[in-house]
């Protein structure tokens, strides 16, 4: 838990998007794997939504 606090949210996001390598000491658990997969999907959908909102805002003006 201490390592996760020190790691920071940006490093976690980089890990979700496979930009940074995973920690080899991290536990390998199916539930954790599925949780990270769902988080990855939700971040992709969020970023796509933000991009769509920006495009609509630019086209509207």
N, C-alpha and C. Protein backbone atom coordinates (compact mmCIF):
# COMPACT_ATOMS: atom_id res chain seq x y z
N UNK A 1 0.83 -1.20 0.00
CA UNK A 1 0.00 0.00 0.00
C UNK A 1 0.87 1.25 0.00
N UNK A 2 1.96 1.20 0.73
CA UNK A 2 2.85 2.36 0.79
C UNK A 2 3.42 2.67 -0.59
N UNK A 3 3.76 1.63 -1.33
CA UNK A 3 4.31 1.82 -2.67
C UNK A 3 3.28 2.43 -3.60
N UNK A 4 2.02 2.05 -3.47
CA UNK A 4 0.96 2.59 -4.31
C UNK A 4 0.76 4.08 -4.04
N UNK A 5 0.87 4.48 -2.79
CA UNK A 5 0.73 5.90 -2.46
C UNK A 5 1.87 6.71 -3.06
N UNK A 6 3.06 6.15 -3.00
CA UNK A 6 4.23 6.84 -3.50
C UNK A 6 4.23 6.88 -5.03
N UNK A 7 3.62 5.90 -5.65
CA UNK A 7 3.65 5.77 -7.10
C UNK A 7 2.91 6.91 -7.80
N UNK A 8 1.78 7.29 -7.34
CA UNK A 8 1.04 8.40 -7.91
C UNK A 8 0.06 7.96 -8.99
N UNK A 9 -0.91 8.82 -9.23
CA UNK A 9 -1.97 8.47 -10.16
C UNK A 9 -1.48 8.50 -11.61
N UNK A 10 -0.56 9.40 -11.95
CA UNK A 10 -0.10 9.48 -13.34
C UNK A 10 0.68 8.25 -13.73
N UNK A 11 1.49 7.72 -12.82
CA UNK A 11 2.21 6.48 -13.11
C UNK A 11 1.24 5.31 -13.26
N UNK A 12 0.17 5.31 -12.49
CA UNK A 12 -0.84 4.26 -12.61
C UNK A 12 -1.53 4.34 -13.97
N UNK A 13 -1.83 5.55 -14.42
CA UNK A 13 -2.46 5.72 -15.74
C UNK A 13 -1.52 5.26 -16.84
N UNK A 14 -0.23 5.59 -16.73
CA UNK A 14 0.74 5.13 -17.72
C UNK A 14 0.81 3.61 -17.75
N UNK A 15 0.67 2.98 -16.59
CA UNK A 15 0.67 1.53 -16.53
C UNK A 15 -0.59 0.97 -17.20
N UNK A 16 -1.74 1.61 -16.99
CA UNK A 16 -2.98 1.14 -17.61
C UNK A 16 -2.88 1.16 -19.12
N UNK A 17 -2.24 2.19 -19.67
CA UNK A 17 -2.14 2.33 -21.11
C UNK A 17 -0.89 1.66 -21.67
N UNK A 18 -0.23 0.83 -20.88
CA UNK A 18 0.96 0.08 -21.29
C UNK A 18 2.11 0.97 -21.75
N UNK A 19 2.18 2.19 -21.26
CA UNK A 19 3.29 3.08 -21.59
C UNK A 19 4.46 2.80 -20.64
N UNK A 20 4.14 2.39 -19.44
CA UNK A 20 5.16 2.07 -18.44
C UNK A 20 5.02 0.59 -18.08
N UNK A 21 6.14 -0.06 -17.83
CA UNK A 21 6.09 -1.48 -17.49
C UNK A 21 5.51 -1.68 -16.10
N UNK A 22 4.83 -2.80 -15.94
CA UNK A 22 4.23 -3.14 -14.65
C UNK A 22 5.31 -3.54 -13.65
N UNK A 23 4.96 -3.39 -12.38
CA UNK A 23 5.84 -3.80 -11.30
C UNK A 23 5.88 -5.32 -11.23
N UNK A 24 7.06 -5.89 -11.26
CA UNK A 24 7.18 -7.35 -11.23
C UNK A 24 6.78 -7.93 -9.87
N UNK A 25 6.85 -7.12 -8.82
CA UNK A 25 6.50 -7.59 -7.47
C UNK A 25 5.00 -7.48 -7.19
N UNK A 26 4.25 -6.89 -8.11
CA UNK A 26 2.81 -6.72 -7.89
C UNK A 26 2.13 -8.09 -7.91
N UNK A 27 1.14 -8.27 -7.05
CA UNK A 27 0.46 -9.58 -7.02
C UNK A 27 -0.30 -9.84 -8.31
N UNK A 28 -0.29 -11.10 -8.75
CA UNK A 28 -1.03 -11.48 -9.96
C UNK A 28 -2.31 -12.18 -9.50
N UNK A 29 -3.40 -11.49 -9.69
CA UNK A 29 -4.69 -11.98 -9.24
C UNK A 29 -5.70 -11.70 -10.35
N UNK A 30 -6.61 -12.62 -10.59
CA UNK A 30 -7.60 -12.44 -11.65
C UNK A 30 -8.48 -11.23 -11.38
N UNK A 31 -8.86 -11.03 -10.13
CA UNK A 31 -9.72 -9.89 -9.80
C UNK A 31 -9.01 -8.57 -10.06
N UNK A 32 -7.75 -8.49 -9.71
CA UNK A 32 -6.98 -7.26 -9.95
C UNK A 32 -6.82 -7.04 -11.45
N UNK A 33 -6.56 -8.12 -12.19
CA UNK A 33 -6.42 -8.02 -13.64
C UNK A 33 -7.71 -7.48 -14.28
N UNK A 34 -8.85 -8.01 -13.86
CA UNK A 34 -10.13 -7.55 -14.40
C UNK A 34 -10.42 -6.10 -13.99
N UNK A 35 -10.08 -5.74 -12.76
CA UNK A 35 -10.29 -4.37 -12.30
C UNK A 35 -9.47 -3.39 -13.13
N UNK A 36 -8.22 -3.73 -13.40
CA UNK A 36 -7.38 -2.85 -14.20
C UNK A 36 -7.89 -2.76 -15.64
N UNK A 37 -8.41 -3.85 -16.16
CA UNK A 37 -8.99 -3.83 -17.50
C UNK A 37 -10.20 -2.92 -17.59
N UNK A 38 -11.07 -2.99 -16.58
CA UNK A 38 -12.24 -2.11 -16.56
C UNK A 38 -11.83 -0.65 -16.40
N UNK A 39 -10.83 -0.40 -15.58
CA UNK A 39 -10.34 0.97 -15.43
C UNK A 39 -9.77 1.49 -16.75
N UNK A 40 -9.06 0.63 -17.46
CA UNK A 40 -8.48 1.01 -18.75
C UNK A 40 -9.59 1.38 -19.74
N UNK A 41 -10.64 0.56 -19.78
CA UNK A 41 -11.76 0.84 -20.69
C UNK A 41 -12.44 2.15 -20.31
N UNK A 42 -12.67 2.37 -19.03
CA UNK A 42 -13.35 3.60 -18.60
C UNK A 42 -12.50 4.84 -18.90
N UNK A 43 -11.19 4.74 -18.78
CA UNK A 43 -10.33 5.88 -19.13
C UNK A 43 -10.39 6.16 -20.63
N UNK A 44 -10.39 5.11 -21.46
CA UNK A 44 -10.50 5.31 -22.91
C UNK A 44 -11.83 5.98 -23.26
N UNK A 45 -12.92 5.51 -22.68
CA UNK A 45 -14.23 6.08 -22.97
C UNK A 45 -14.29 7.54 -22.49
N UNK A 46 -13.73 7.82 -21.34
CA UNK A 46 -13.70 9.19 -20.82
C UNK A 46 -12.93 10.11 -21.75
N UNK A 47 -11.75 9.67 -22.20
CA UNK A 47 -10.95 10.50 -23.10
C UNK A 47 -11.65 10.71 -24.44
N UNK A 48 -12.30 9.69 -24.96
CA UNK A 48 -13.05 9.84 -26.20
C UNK A 48 -14.20 10.83 -26.01
N UNK A 49 -14.88 10.76 -24.87
CA UNK A 49 -15.97 11.70 -24.58
C UNK A 49 -15.47 13.13 -24.49
N UNK A 50 -14.33 13.34 -23.87
CA UNK A 50 -13.76 14.69 -23.77
C UNK A 50 -13.41 15.21 -25.16
N UNK A 51 -12.83 14.36 -25.99
CA UNK A 51 -12.46 14.77 -27.36
C UNK A 51 -13.71 15.13 -28.16
N UNK A 52 -14.77 14.32 -28.04
CA UNK A 52 -16.02 14.61 -28.75
C UNK A 52 -16.61 15.93 -28.27
N UNK A 53 -16.59 16.18 -26.97
CA UNK A 53 -17.12 17.44 -26.44
C UNK A 53 -16.34 18.63 -26.96
N UNK A 54 -15.02 18.51 -27.03
CA UNK A 54 -14.19 19.61 -27.53
C UNK A 54 -14.47 19.86 -29.01
N UNK A 55 -14.60 18.79 -29.80
CA UNK A 55 -14.89 18.94 -31.22
C UNK A 55 -16.25 19.61 -31.43
N UNK A 56 -17.26 19.17 -30.67
CA UNK A 56 -18.59 19.79 -30.78
C UNK A 56 -18.55 21.26 -30.37
N UNK A 57 -17.78 21.58 -29.36
CA UNK A 57 -17.67 22.97 -28.91
C UNK A 57 -17.02 23.82 -29.98
N UNK A 58 -16.00 23.30 -30.63
CA UNK A 58 -15.30 24.06 -31.67
C UNK A 58 -16.20 24.23 -32.90
N UNK A 59 -16.92 23.19 -33.29
CA UNK A 59 -17.79 23.28 -34.48
C UNK A 59 -19.00 24.17 -34.26
N UNK A 60 -19.46 24.27 -33.03
CA UNK A 60 -20.66 25.05 -32.73
C UNK A 60 -20.40 26.54 -32.87
N UNK A 61 -19.19 26.97 -32.65
CA UNK A 61 -18.89 28.42 -32.68
C UNK A 61 -18.48 28.87 -34.01
